[in-house]
Every structure is written in structure tokens, then in C-alpha cells.
Amino acid sequence: MIGVIDYGMGNLRSVENALRALGHDCVITGDPAQLAVCEKLILPGVGAFKDCMKNIHEAGLYEPIKKMVNEDKKPLLGICLGMQVMFESGEENGYTEGFGFLKGRIVKMEAEHLRIPHIGWNQLKQAEPNPIHQQLGHDPYVYFVHSYYAQEYDPAQLWGYCEYGPLKVPGMVAADHVLGCQFHPEKSGPDGLKILQYYVEEFG
């Protein structure tokens, strides 16, 4: 069973629909006890970093998620904002601490004559060798919607990136049993579904 973490923000139903299309059972819940018995977790997210962490703390999910990931070694997939809060901190609407599962911080995307937010399809290029790219198409494109991105990350944790104007945007990051996608795999066609399938069936 895959646990989709409900903290009041995120495309929960689209993630659920994608998982069920792949033939996997899942439960959408904000109950730590239910999440604790799930084999793997997914943390979706749409919105602002500060609001996300506020909701997670107020829902009583911060410490349980930290324990499940750090102590129980339960695999976690973060999607879009859910990936961002897995880093050490974010600057959206003021400095906010994240979970710290990944090294780095989330900062605003800025470049002259560049449209922000970054919305649309972009090529996911391979960084460090990893098993996911072996399963994707020759020229994989995935769907992004975001205005902030990861910086000061560990290059060894970067699995994939895209180029948006002069910016190198970390698109997929991983460390041990934690995987993050800045894009929305549930909205990224066949390659996105392959990434979800890899997470559920092989990752961790």
C-alpha cells in the first residue's frame, strides 16, 4: 500500500488516479498511524513552502514523517512543492526550515527576460547515472509548474535536470530511500508514469 500524505495542499486525486492506473493500491490520509503501516509514502504539494510546512506542523505530521524516513527508513517520494520541503530550507515568503532529508535550499528563480513561473514541458536531462533514465524514452519531457528551485544541493544527489533559459533546474534528486521530482510525474505522460512505477516497484 502506498500512502499519499494529506496535509491540506497538493494534487492528491491526480496522484491517486495515476497510481491506480498503474495497478497499485494507495490511501490518501493525514493519519500518522495509517501512514506508518504503508510500504512507501508520497508527499505531493502545490503552493508555497512556508504554508506547506505550517500545515504539516499543525497537522501533527512533521515528527512522524521525520521518524518514518530517518529511523524506519521508509521510502518517500516528494512531488513539486513536496520535493522542495525535503530540502533544508526555503525562502518563499520568508525563511522556513524544511525536513532536511536533502542538502540545499529553495530559492526564487530569477533571470533577465525569463518568464516566471516556469510552466510547461521541458526536457529532463540525465545528471548522475541512475536507473530511472534507463527506463525512460530517448528524449523524455516532463511537466513543470514552479517559481522556486533548489540550489546549493549535493551534485551527487542530482539525477536529472532541465535548462530553463540560463538556469539549470534540479528536476529529479535522490538520496538513499528519498526521491524528489520538481515536475509532476502524474501529469507527465508515459515517462512520468514510468517514474512513478519505478518508485513504487523498485526504489528504496
N, C-alpha and C. Protein backbone atom coordinates (compact mmCIF):
# COMPACT_ATOMS: atom_id res chain seq x y z
N MET A 1 0.84 -1.19 0.00
CA MET A 1 0.00 0.00 0.00
C MET A 1 0.88 1.26 0.00
N ILE A 2 0.54 2.21 -0.87
CA ILE A 2 1.26 3.48 -0.94
C ILE A 2 0.47 4.54 -0.19
N GLY A 3 1.11 5.26 0.71
CA GLY A 3 0.45 6.31 1.47
C GLY A 3 0.69 7.66 0.83
N VAL A 4 -0.39 8.32 0.40
CA VAL A 4 -0.31 9.67 -0.15
C VAL A 4 -0.64 10.63 1.00
N ILE A 5 0.32 11.44 1.38
CA ILE A 5 0.21 12.25 2.59
C ILE A 5 -0.70 13.45 2.36
N ASP A 6 -1.76 13.54 3.14
CA ASP A 6 -2.74 14.62 3.04
C ASP A 6 -2.49 15.61 4.18
N TYR A 7 -2.01 16.80 3.83
CA TYR A 7 -1.80 17.85 4.83
C TYR A 7 -2.53 19.13 4.42
N GLY A 8 -3.48 18.98 3.48
CA GLY A 8 -4.29 20.10 3.06
C GLY A 8 -3.83 20.84 1.84
N MET A 9 -2.73 20.38 1.20
CA MET A 9 -2.22 21.02 -0.02
C MET A 9 -1.71 19.93 -0.96
N GLY A 10 -2.05 20.04 -2.24
CA GLY A 10 -1.47 19.09 -3.18
C GLY A 10 -2.50 18.47 -4.11
N ASN A 11 -2.00 17.96 -5.24
CA ASN A 11 -2.86 17.28 -6.21
C ASN A 11 -3.04 15.82 -5.80
N LEU A 12 -3.80 15.62 -4.73
CA LEU A 12 -3.92 14.28 -4.17
C LEU A 12 -4.62 13.32 -5.14
N ARG A 13 -5.72 13.77 -5.73
CA ARG A 13 -6.51 12.87 -6.58
C ARG A 13 -5.78 12.52 -7.87
N SER A 14 -5.03 13.46 -8.43
CA SER A 14 -4.31 13.14 -9.66
C SER A 14 -3.21 12.12 -9.40
N VAL A 15 -2.57 12.22 -8.23
CA VAL A 15 -1.57 11.21 -7.85
C VAL A 15 -2.25 9.87 -7.62
N GLU A 16 -3.38 9.89 -6.92
CA GLU A 16 -4.13 8.65 -6.68
C GLU A 16 -4.54 8.00 -8.00
N ASN A 17 -5.06 8.79 -8.93
CA ASN A 17 -5.50 8.25 -10.22
C ASN A 17 -4.35 7.64 -11.00
N ALA A 18 -3.19 8.28 -10.95
CA ALA A 18 -2.02 7.75 -11.66
C ALA A 18 -1.57 6.42 -11.06
N LEU A 19 -1.55 6.34 -9.73
CA LEU A 19 -1.16 5.09 -9.07
C LEU A 19 -2.13 3.96 -9.39
N ARG A 20 -3.41 4.27 -9.37
CA ARG A 20 -4.41 3.23 -9.66
C ARG A 20 -4.34 2.81 -11.12
N ALA A 21 -4.01 3.74 -12.02
CA ALA A 21 -3.85 3.39 -13.43
C ALA A 21 -2.68 2.42 -13.62
N LEU A 22 -1.70 2.51 -12.72
CA LEU A 22 -0.56 1.58 -12.77
C LEU A 22 -0.85 0.27 -12.05
N GLY A 23 -2.03 0.18 -11.43
CA GLY A 23 -2.42 -1.05 -10.74
C GLY A 23 -1.97 -1.15 -9.31
N HIS A 24 -1.71 -0.01 -8.66
CA HIS A 24 -1.22 -0.03 -7.29
C HIS A 24 -2.25 0.57 -6.33
N ASP A 25 -2.42 -0.08 -5.20
CA ASP A 25 -3.33 0.42 -4.18
C ASP A 25 -2.68 1.57 -3.43
N CYS A 26 -3.50 2.54 -3.04
CA CYS A 26 -2.99 3.66 -2.26
C CYS A 26 -4.07 4.17 -1.33
N VAL A 27 -3.64 4.93 -0.34
CA VAL A 27 -4.57 5.56 0.58
C VAL A 27 -4.15 7.01 0.76
N ILE A 28 -5.12 7.92 0.69
CA ILE A 28 -4.87 9.33 0.96
C ILE A 28 -5.22 9.59 2.42
N THR A 29 -4.24 9.99 3.21
CA THR A 29 -4.50 10.14 4.64
C THR A 29 -3.53 11.11 5.29
N GLY A 30 -4.00 11.76 6.33
CA GLY A 30 -3.15 12.58 7.18
C GLY A 30 -2.97 11.96 8.55
N ASP A 31 -3.33 10.70 8.68
CA ASP A 31 -3.23 9.98 9.94
C ASP A 31 -1.87 9.29 10.03
N PRO A 32 -1.01 9.70 10.96
CA PRO A 32 0.32 9.09 11.07
C PRO A 32 0.27 7.58 11.27
N ALA A 33 -0.74 7.09 11.97
CA ALA A 33 -0.84 5.66 12.21
C ALA A 33 -1.09 4.90 10.91
N GLN A 34 -1.92 5.47 10.04
CA GLN A 34 -2.16 4.83 8.74
C GLN A 34 -0.92 4.90 7.86
N LEU A 35 -0.25 6.04 7.88
CA LEU A 35 0.96 6.19 7.07
C LEU A 35 2.06 5.24 7.53
N ALA A 36 2.11 4.97 8.81
CA ALA A 36 3.17 4.13 9.37
C ALA A 36 3.11 2.69 8.86
N VAL A 37 1.91 2.24 8.48
CA VAL A 37 1.79 0.85 8.00
C VAL A 37 1.89 0.76 6.48
N CYS A 38 2.03 1.88 5.80
CA CYS A 38 2.20 1.87 4.35
C CYS A 38 3.63 1.47 3.99
N GLU A 39 3.77 0.83 2.86
CA GLU A 39 5.10 0.38 2.42
C GLU A 39 5.96 1.56 2.00
N LYS A 40 5.35 2.53 1.29
CA LYS A 40 6.06 3.71 0.81
C LYS A 40 5.14 4.91 0.92
N LEU A 41 5.75 6.12 0.91
CA LEU A 41 4.99 7.35 1.05
C LEU A 41 5.22 8.28 -0.13
N ILE A 42 4.20 9.10 -0.43
CA ILE A 42 4.32 10.15 -1.43
C ILE A 42 3.85 11.46 -0.80
N LEU A 43 4.66 12.51 -0.96
CA LEU A 43 4.34 13.83 -0.43
C LEU A 43 4.13 14.77 -1.62
N PRO A 44 2.86 14.98 -2.05
CA PRO A 44 2.61 15.92 -3.14
C PRO A 44 2.59 17.34 -2.59
N GLY A 45 2.46 18.33 -3.48
CA GLY A 45 2.38 19.69 -2.99
C GLY A 45 2.17 20.71 -4.08
N VAL A 46 1.27 21.65 -3.82
CA VAL A 46 1.06 22.80 -4.70
C VAL A 46 0.88 24.00 -3.79
N GLY A 47 1.65 25.06 -4.03
CA GLY A 47 1.52 26.24 -3.18
C GLY A 47 2.87 26.73 -2.72
N ALA A 48 2.91 27.33 -1.53
CA ALA A 48 4.12 27.98 -1.02
C ALA A 48 4.80 27.14 0.06
N PHE A 49 6.12 27.21 0.09
CA PHE A 49 6.94 26.44 1.03
C PHE A 49 6.51 26.70 2.47
N LYS A 50 6.39 27.97 2.87
CA LYS A 50 6.06 28.31 4.26
C LYS A 50 4.69 27.75 4.65
N ASP A 51 3.70 27.88 3.76
CA ASP A 51 2.36 27.36 4.04
C ASP A 51 2.37 25.85 4.17
N CYS A 52 3.15 25.21 3.31
CA CYS A 52 3.25 23.75 3.35
C CYS A 52 3.78 23.27 4.70
N MET A 53 4.89 23.84 5.14
CA MET A 53 5.47 23.41 6.40
C MET A 53 4.56 23.77 7.58
N LYS A 54 3.88 24.91 7.50
CA LYS A 54 2.93 25.28 8.55
C LYS A 54 1.82 24.24 8.66
N ASN A 55 1.27 23.84 7.52
CA ASN A 55 0.21 22.84 7.53
C ASN A 55 0.70 21.50 8.07
N ILE A 56 1.90 21.12 7.67
CA ILE A 56 2.46 19.84 8.13
C ILE A 56 2.64 19.85 9.64
N HIS A 57 3.17 20.94 10.17
CA HIS A 57 3.34 21.04 11.63
C HIS A 57 1.99 21.04 12.34
N GLU A 58 1.05 21.82 11.84
CA GLU A 58 -0.26 21.92 12.50
C GLU A 58 -1.05 20.62 12.43
N ALA A 59 -0.79 19.83 11.40
CA ALA A 59 -1.46 18.53 11.27
C ALA A 59 -0.80 17.45 12.12
N GLY A 60 0.29 17.80 12.81
CA GLY A 60 0.99 16.82 13.63
C GLY A 60 1.73 15.77 12.81
N LEU A 61 2.17 16.16 11.61
CA LEU A 61 2.81 15.21 10.71
C LEU A 61 4.33 15.35 10.64
N TYR A 62 4.86 16.46 11.11
CA TYR A 62 6.30 16.71 10.93
C TYR A 62 7.15 15.64 11.62
N GLU A 63 6.97 15.46 12.90
CA GLU A 63 7.79 14.48 13.63
C GLU A 63 7.54 13.05 13.17
N PRO A 64 6.26 12.64 12.93
CA PRO A 64 6.05 11.28 12.41
C PRO A 64 6.73 11.03 11.07
N ILE A 65 6.67 12.01 10.15
CA ILE A 65 7.31 11.81 8.86
C ILE A 65 8.83 11.73 9.02
N LYS A 66 9.40 12.60 9.86
CA LYS A 66 10.84 12.55 10.12
C LYS A 66 11.24 11.18 10.65
N LYS A 67 10.46 10.65 11.58
CA LYS A 67 10.79 9.34 12.16
C LYS A 67 10.67 8.24 11.12
N MET A 68 9.60 8.26 10.32
CA MET A 68 9.41 7.21 9.32
C MET A 68 10.55 7.18 8.32
N VAL A 69 11.02 8.36 7.93
CA VAL A 69 12.08 8.43 6.93
C VAL A 69 13.46 8.20 7.54
N ASN A 70 13.76 8.89 8.63
CA ASN A 70 15.11 8.82 9.21
C ASN A 70 15.37 7.55 10.00
N GLU A 71 14.38 7.11 10.76
CA GLU A 71 14.58 5.95 11.64
C GLU A 71 14.04 4.66 11.04
N ASP A 72 12.84 4.72 10.49
CA ASP A 72 12.23 3.50 9.94
C ASP A 72 12.69 3.22 8.51
N LYS A 73 13.36 4.20 7.89
CA LYS A 73 13.88 4.07 6.53
C LYS A 73 12.77 3.79 5.51
N LYS A 74 11.63 4.40 5.72
CA LYS A 74 10.52 4.24 4.80
C LYS A 74 10.75 5.12 3.57
N PRO A 75 10.65 4.59 2.36
CA PRO A 75 10.87 5.40 1.16
C PRO A 75 9.85 6.53 1.05
N LEU A 76 10.32 7.68 0.55
CA LEU A 76 9.48 8.86 0.40
C LEU A 76 9.73 9.48 -0.97
N LEU A 77 8.66 9.77 -1.69
CA LEU A 77 8.71 10.50 -2.95
C LEU A 77 8.07 11.86 -2.75
N GLY A 78 8.81 12.93 -3.00
CA GLY A 78 8.27 14.28 -2.93
C GLY A 78 8.03 14.81 -4.33
N ILE A 79 6.84 15.39 -4.56
CA ILE A 79 6.47 15.90 -5.88
C ILE A 79 6.28 17.40 -5.82
N CYS A 80 6.98 18.14 -6.68
CA CYS A 80 6.89 19.59 -6.81
C CYS A 80 7.19 20.25 -5.45
N LEU A 81 6.22 20.91 -4.84
CA LEU A 81 6.44 21.50 -3.52
C LEU A 81 6.84 20.44 -2.51
N GLY A 82 6.30 19.23 -2.67
CA GLY A 82 6.66 18.13 -1.78
C GLY A 82 8.13 17.79 -1.87
N MET A 83 8.73 17.95 -3.05
CA MET A 83 10.17 17.77 -3.19
C MET A 83 10.91 18.91 -2.51
N GLN A 84 10.43 20.14 -2.70
CA GLN A 84 11.14 21.30 -2.16
C GLN A 84 11.27 21.25 -0.64
N VAL A 85 10.22 20.83 0.06
CA VAL A 85 10.28 20.82 1.52
C VAL A 85 11.14 19.69 2.06
N MET A 86 11.62 18.80 1.19
CA MET A 86 12.55 17.78 1.64
C MET A 86 13.97 18.34 1.81
N PHE A 87 14.19 19.57 1.30
CA PHE A 87 15.50 20.20 1.46
C PHE A 87 15.59 20.88 2.83
N GLU A 88 16.72 21.50 3.12
CA GLU A 88 16.98 22.04 4.45
C GLU A 88 16.15 23.29 4.75
N SER A 89 15.93 24.13 3.73
CA SER A 89 15.19 25.37 3.98
C SER A 89 14.65 25.94 2.68
N GLY A 90 13.70 26.89 2.83
CA GLY A 90 13.14 27.59 1.68
C GLY A 90 13.00 29.06 2.00
N GLU A 91 13.03 29.91 0.96
CA GLU A 91 12.97 31.36 1.15
C GLU A 91 11.64 31.96 0.72
N GLU A 92 10.69 31.13 0.31
CA GLU A 92 9.41 31.65 -0.17
C GLU A 92 8.59 32.22 0.98
N ASN A 93 8.26 33.51 0.91
CA ASN A 93 7.51 34.21 1.97
C ASN A 93 8.29 34.24 3.29
N GLY A 94 9.60 34.24 3.20
CA GLY A 94 10.44 34.27 4.39
C GLY A 94 11.10 32.93 4.66
N TYR A 95 12.20 32.97 5.37
CA TYR A 95 12.97 31.75 5.66
C TYR A 95 12.14 30.75 6.44
N THR A 96 12.14 29.50 5.99
CA THR A 96 11.42 28.42 6.65
C THR A 96 12.26 27.15 6.59
N GLU A 97 12.37 26.46 7.69
CA GLU A 97 13.10 25.19 7.68
C GLU A 97 12.24 24.09 7.07
N GLY A 98 12.90 23.24 6.26
CA GLY A 98 12.25 22.08 5.70
C GLY A 98 12.59 20.83 6.49
N PHE A 99 12.41 19.66 5.87
CA PHE A 99 12.70 18.40 6.56
C PHE A 99 14.19 18.13 6.66
N GLY A 100 14.98 18.60 5.71
CA GLY A 100 16.41 18.35 5.75
C GLY A 100 16.82 16.96 5.30
N PHE A 101 15.95 16.29 4.54
CA PHE A 101 16.33 14.97 4.01
C PHE A 101 17.38 15.11 2.90
N LEU A 102 17.39 16.28 2.25
CA LEU A 102 18.32 16.55 1.16
C LEU A 102 19.11 17.82 1.47
N LYS A 103 20.35 17.87 1.05
CA LYS A 103 21.17 19.07 1.26
C LYS A 103 20.76 20.15 0.26
N GLY A 104 20.64 21.39 0.74
CA GLY A 104 20.36 22.50 -0.16
C GLY A 104 19.21 23.35 0.34
N ARG A 105 18.96 24.44 -0.40
CA ARG A 105 17.87 25.33 -0.03
C ARG A 105 17.07 25.72 -1.27
N ILE A 106 15.85 26.16 -1.06
CA ILE A 106 14.95 26.52 -2.14
C ILE A 106 14.89 28.03 -2.27
N VAL A 107 15.22 28.55 -3.46
CA VAL A 107 15.28 29.99 -3.70
C VAL A 107 14.45 30.35 -4.92
N LYS A 108 14.15 31.64 -5.07
CA LYS A 108 13.34 32.10 -6.19
C LYS A 108 14.13 32.03 -7.49
N MET A 109 13.48 31.61 -8.56
CA MET A 109 14.09 31.59 -9.88
C MET A 109 14.13 33.02 -10.41
N GLU A 110 15.31 33.46 -10.80
CA GLU A 110 15.45 34.83 -11.31
C GLU A 110 16.44 34.85 -12.45
N ALA A 111 16.02 35.47 -13.55
CA ALA A 111 16.91 35.69 -14.69
C ALA A 111 16.26 36.74 -15.59
N GLU A 112 17.06 37.58 -16.17
CA GLU A 112 16.55 38.66 -17.00
C GLU A 112 15.79 38.12 -18.21
N HIS A 113 14.62 38.69 -18.46
CA HIS A 113 13.77 38.34 -19.61
C HIS A 113 13.25 36.90 -19.55
N LEU A 114 13.23 36.31 -18.38
CA LEU A 114 12.75 34.94 -18.24
C LEU A 114 11.38 34.94 -17.56
N ARG A 115 10.42 34.27 -18.14
CA ARG A 115 9.08 34.24 -17.57
C ARG A 115 9.04 33.32 -16.35
N ILE A 116 8.61 33.90 -15.23
CA ILE A 116 8.43 33.14 -14.00
C ILE A 116 6.96 33.30 -13.58
N PRO A 117 6.25 32.25 -13.25
CA PRO A 117 6.75 30.88 -13.01
C PRO A 117 7.11 30.12 -14.29
N HIS A 118 7.89 29.09 -14.07
CA HIS A 118 8.26 28.15 -15.12
C HIS A 118 7.11 27.16 -15.26
N ILE A 119 6.36 27.27 -16.35
CA ILE A 119 5.20 26.42 -16.56
C ILE A 119 5.33 25.74 -17.92
N GLY A 120 5.20 24.44 -17.95
CA GLY A 120 5.16 23.72 -19.21
C GLY A 120 6.12 22.54 -19.27
N TRP A 121 6.24 22.00 -20.46
CA TRP A 121 7.05 20.80 -20.69
C TRP A 121 8.50 21.19 -20.93
N ASN A 122 9.39 20.40 -20.36
CA ASN A 122 10.82 20.64 -20.54
C ASN A 122 11.55 19.30 -20.53
N GLN A 123 12.65 19.26 -21.23
CA GLN A 123 13.42 18.02 -21.32
C GLN A 123 14.10 17.71 -20.00
N LEU A 124 13.97 16.48 -19.56
CA LEU A 124 14.63 16.01 -18.35
C LEU A 124 15.95 15.36 -18.76
N LYS A 125 17.04 16.04 -18.48
CA LYS A 125 18.36 15.55 -18.86
C LYS A 125 19.00 14.78 -17.72
N GLN A 126 19.76 13.77 -18.05
CA GLN A 126 20.41 12.96 -17.03
C GLN A 126 21.62 13.68 -16.45
N ALA A 127 21.75 13.62 -15.13
CA ALA A 127 22.93 14.13 -14.44
C ALA A 127 23.76 12.94 -14.01
N GLU A 128 23.68 12.57 -12.73
CA GLU A 128 24.38 11.38 -12.27
C GLU A 128 23.75 10.11 -12.88
N PRO A 129 24.56 9.09 -13.18
CA PRO A 129 23.98 7.83 -13.67
C PRO A 129 22.97 7.29 -12.67
N ASN A 130 21.83 6.86 -13.18
CA ASN A 130 20.77 6.38 -12.30
C ASN A 130 19.88 5.40 -13.05
N PRO A 131 19.17 4.54 -12.34
CA PRO A 131 18.38 3.50 -13.00
C PRO A 131 17.13 4.01 -13.69
N ILE A 132 16.62 5.20 -13.33
CA ILE A 132 15.38 5.69 -13.94
C ILE A 132 15.58 6.01 -15.42
N HIS A 133 16.65 6.70 -15.76
CA HIS A 133 16.83 7.13 -17.14
C HIS A 133 16.93 5.96 -18.10
N GLN A 134 17.34 4.81 -17.62
CA GLN A 134 17.41 3.63 -18.47
C GLN A 134 16.01 3.18 -18.90
N GLN A 135 14.99 3.58 -18.15
CA GLN A 135 13.64 3.14 -18.42
C GLN A 135 12.80 4.17 -19.17
N LEU A 136 13.33 5.39 -19.33
CA LEU A 136 12.58 6.45 -19.99
C LEU A 136 12.85 6.46 -21.49
N GLY A 137 12.07 7.26 -22.21
CA GLY A 137 12.28 7.40 -23.64
C GLY A 137 13.60 8.09 -23.94
N HIS A 138 13.96 8.09 -25.20
CA HIS A 138 15.25 8.66 -25.60
C HIS A 138 15.34 10.16 -25.29
N ASP A 139 14.23 10.86 -25.37
CA ASP A 139 14.20 12.30 -25.19
C ASP A 139 13.04 12.67 -24.26
N PRO A 140 13.13 12.34 -22.96
CA PRO A 140 11.97 12.49 -22.07
C PRO A 140 11.66 13.96 -21.75
N TYR A 141 10.39 14.31 -21.85
CA TYR A 141 9.90 15.62 -21.45
C TYR A 141 8.91 15.44 -20.31
N VAL A 142 8.98 16.36 -19.35
CA VAL A 142 8.10 16.28 -18.17
C VAL A 142 7.51 17.67 -17.91
N TYR A 143 6.47 17.71 -17.09
CA TYR A 143 5.68 18.93 -16.91
C TYR A 143 6.00 19.64 -15.60
N PHE A 144 6.42 20.91 -15.71
CA PHE A 144 6.80 21.73 -14.57
C PHE A 144 5.79 22.85 -14.31
N VAL A 145 5.61 23.18 -13.03
CA VAL A 145 4.87 24.38 -12.62
C VAL A 145 5.52 24.86 -11.32
N HIS A 146 6.39 25.88 -11.38
CA HIS A 146 7.06 26.34 -10.16
C HIS A 146 7.76 27.67 -10.38
N SER A 147 7.99 28.38 -9.29
CA SER A 147 8.71 29.66 -9.31
C SER A 147 9.99 29.62 -8.48
N TYR A 148 10.17 28.58 -7.70
CA TYR A 148 11.34 28.40 -6.84
C TYR A 148 12.04 27.10 -7.21
N TYR A 149 13.34 27.03 -6.92
CA TYR A 149 14.09 25.82 -7.27
C TYR A 149 15.23 25.60 -6.29
N ALA A 150 15.80 24.42 -6.33
CA ALA A 150 16.83 24.04 -5.37
C ALA A 150 18.20 24.55 -5.80
N GLN A 151 18.95 25.06 -4.82
CA GLN A 151 20.32 25.49 -5.02
C GLN A 151 21.18 24.99 -3.85
N GLU A 152 22.49 25.03 -4.04
CA GLU A 152 23.45 24.56 -3.03
C GLU A 152 23.19 23.09 -2.66
N TYR A 153 22.69 22.35 -3.64
CA TYR A 153 22.41 20.93 -3.44
C TYR A 153 23.70 20.13 -3.62
N ASP A 154 23.64 18.88 -3.24
CA ASP A 154 24.76 17.96 -3.41
C ASP A 154 24.72 17.41 -4.84
N PRO A 155 25.72 17.70 -5.68
CA PRO A 155 25.69 17.22 -7.06
C PRO A 155 25.52 15.71 -7.17
N ALA A 156 25.99 14.97 -6.17
CA ALA A 156 25.86 13.51 -6.21
C ALA A 156 24.41 13.06 -6.05
N GLN A 157 23.56 13.97 -5.54
CA GLN A 157 22.14 13.64 -5.35
C GLN A 157 21.27 14.06 -6.53
N LEU A 158 21.89 14.69 -7.54
CA LEU A 158 21.14 15.17 -8.70
C LEU A 158 21.05 14.07 -9.76
N TRP A 159 19.85 13.57 -10.00
CA TRP A 159 19.64 12.53 -11.01
C TRP A 159 19.25 13.12 -12.36
N GLY A 160 18.53 14.24 -12.35
CA GLY A 160 18.09 14.82 -13.61
C GLY A 160 17.84 16.31 -13.46
N TYR A 161 17.95 17.03 -14.56
CA TYR A 161 17.75 18.48 -14.53
C TYR A 161 17.16 18.93 -15.85
N CYS A 162 16.67 20.17 -15.87
CA CYS A 162 16.26 20.78 -17.11
C CYS A 162 16.92 22.15 -17.23
N GLU A 163 16.96 22.67 -18.43
CA GLU A 163 17.50 24.00 -18.67
C GLU A 163 16.35 24.93 -19.01
N TYR A 164 16.23 26.01 -18.22
CA TYR A 164 15.19 27.00 -18.45
C TYR A 164 15.88 28.35 -18.59
N GLY A 165 16.02 28.79 -19.84
CA GLY A 165 16.85 29.96 -20.08
C GLY A 165 18.25 29.67 -19.60
N PRO A 166 18.85 30.57 -18.82
CA PRO A 166 20.21 30.34 -18.31
C PRO A 166 20.24 29.48 -17.04
N LEU A 167 19.08 29.09 -16.54
CA LEU A 167 19.02 28.38 -15.26
C LEU A 167 19.09 26.87 -15.45
N LYS A 168 19.86 26.23 -14.59
CA LYS A 168 19.88 24.77 -14.50
C LYS A 168 18.97 24.39 -13.33
N VAL A 169 17.84 23.78 -13.65
CA VAL A 169 16.82 23.48 -12.65
C VAL A 169 16.91 22.02 -12.24
N PRO A 170 17.22 21.74 -10.96
CA PRO A 170 17.20 20.35 -10.50
C PRO A 170 15.79 19.77 -10.66
N GLY A 171 15.68 18.76 -11.49
CA GLY A 171 14.36 18.19 -11.77
C GLY A 171 14.10 16.92 -11.00
N MET A 172 15.15 16.14 -10.75
CA MET A 172 14.99 14.88 -10.02
C MET A 172 16.20 14.68 -9.12
N VAL A 173 15.95 14.45 -7.85
CA VAL A 173 17.02 14.28 -6.87
C VAL A 173 16.75 13.03 -6.05
N ALA A 174 17.81 12.43 -5.53
CA ALA A 174 17.64 11.22 -4.74
C ALA A 174 18.79 11.05 -3.76
N ALA A 175 18.45 10.50 -2.60
CA ALA A 175 19.45 10.16 -1.59
C ALA A 175 18.92 8.97 -0.80
N ASP A 176 19.61 7.86 -0.91
CA ASP A 176 19.20 6.64 -0.20
C ASP A 176 17.76 6.28 -0.56
N HIS A 177 16.83 6.39 0.39
CA HIS A 177 15.44 5.99 0.16
C HIS A 177 14.52 7.19 -0.03
N VAL A 178 15.08 8.35 -0.39
CA VAL A 178 14.30 9.56 -0.63
C VAL A 178 14.47 9.97 -2.09
N LEU A 179 13.35 10.23 -2.76
CA LEU A 179 13.35 10.63 -4.17
C LEU A 179 12.49 11.87 -4.33
N GLY A 180 12.96 12.84 -5.11
CA GLY A 180 12.19 14.05 -5.32
C GLY A 180 12.08 14.40 -6.79
N CYS A 181 10.89 14.85 -7.21
CA CYS A 181 10.65 15.32 -8.58
C CYS A 181 10.12 16.75 -8.52
N GLN A 182 10.84 17.71 -9.10
CA GLN A 182 10.34 19.08 -9.15
C GLN A 182 9.15 19.18 -10.09
N PHE A 183 9.09 18.33 -11.09
CA PHE A 183 7.98 18.27 -12.04
C PHE A 183 6.86 17.39 -11.47
N HIS A 184 5.78 17.29 -12.24
CA HIS A 184 4.64 16.45 -11.83
C HIS A 184 4.65 15.16 -12.65
N PRO A 185 5.16 14.06 -12.11
CA PRO A 185 5.16 12.82 -12.89
C PRO A 185 3.75 12.35 -13.24
N GLU A 186 2.78 12.64 -12.37
CA GLU A 186 1.40 12.21 -12.63
C GLU A 186 0.76 12.96 -13.78
N LYS A 187 1.42 14.05 -14.24
CA LYS A 187 0.90 14.84 -15.36
C LYS A 187 1.87 14.84 -16.54
N SER A 188 2.85 13.93 -16.51
CA SER A 188 3.94 13.96 -17.49
C SER A 188 3.89 12.80 -18.48
N GLY A 189 2.69 12.32 -18.79
CA GLY A 189 2.55 11.31 -19.82
C GLY A 189 3.21 10.00 -19.49
N PRO A 190 3.55 9.20 -20.51
CA PRO A 190 4.12 7.86 -20.29
C PRO A 190 5.42 7.87 -19.49
N ASP A 191 6.31 8.83 -19.74
CA ASP A 191 7.56 8.87 -18.99
C ASP A 191 7.31 9.18 -17.51
N GLY A 192 6.36 10.06 -17.24
CA GLY A 192 6.01 10.36 -15.85
C GLY A 192 5.48 9.14 -15.13
N LEU A 193 4.65 8.38 -15.82
CA LEU A 193 4.10 7.16 -15.21
C LEU A 193 5.21 6.12 -14.99
N LYS A 194 6.20 6.09 -15.87
CA LYS A 194 7.33 5.17 -15.68
C LYS A 194 8.12 5.53 -14.42
N ILE A 195 8.24 6.85 -14.16
CA ILE A 195 8.95 7.28 -12.96
C ILE A 195 8.17 6.88 -11.71
N LEU A 196 6.86 7.07 -11.72
CA LEU A 196 6.03 6.63 -10.59
C LEU A 196 6.13 5.12 -10.42
N GLN A 197 6.08 4.40 -11.52
CA GLN A 197 6.15 2.95 -11.45
C GLN A 197 7.49 2.49 -10.88
N TYR A 198 8.56 3.14 -11.31
CA TYR A 198 9.87 2.80 -10.77
C TYR A 198 9.92 3.04 -9.27
N TYR A 199 9.38 4.18 -8.82
CA TYR A 199 9.38 4.47 -7.39
C TYR A 199 8.63 3.39 -6.62
N VAL A 200 7.45 3.06 -7.07
CA VAL A 200 6.61 2.11 -6.35
C VAL A 200 7.19 0.71 -6.36
N GLU A 201 7.73 0.27 -7.49
CA GLU A 201 8.12 -1.12 -7.66
C GLU A 201 9.60 -1.40 -7.39
N GLU A 202 10.47 -0.39 -7.51
CA GLU A 202 11.89 -0.68 -7.42
C GLU A 202 12.67 0.20 -6.46
N PHE A 203 12.27 1.45 -6.27
CA PHE A 203 13.07 2.38 -5.49
C PHE A 203 13.07 2.03 -4.02
N GLY A 204 14.22 2.29 -3.37
CA GLY A 204 14.30 2.06 -1.93
C GLY A 204 14.74 0.69 -1.62
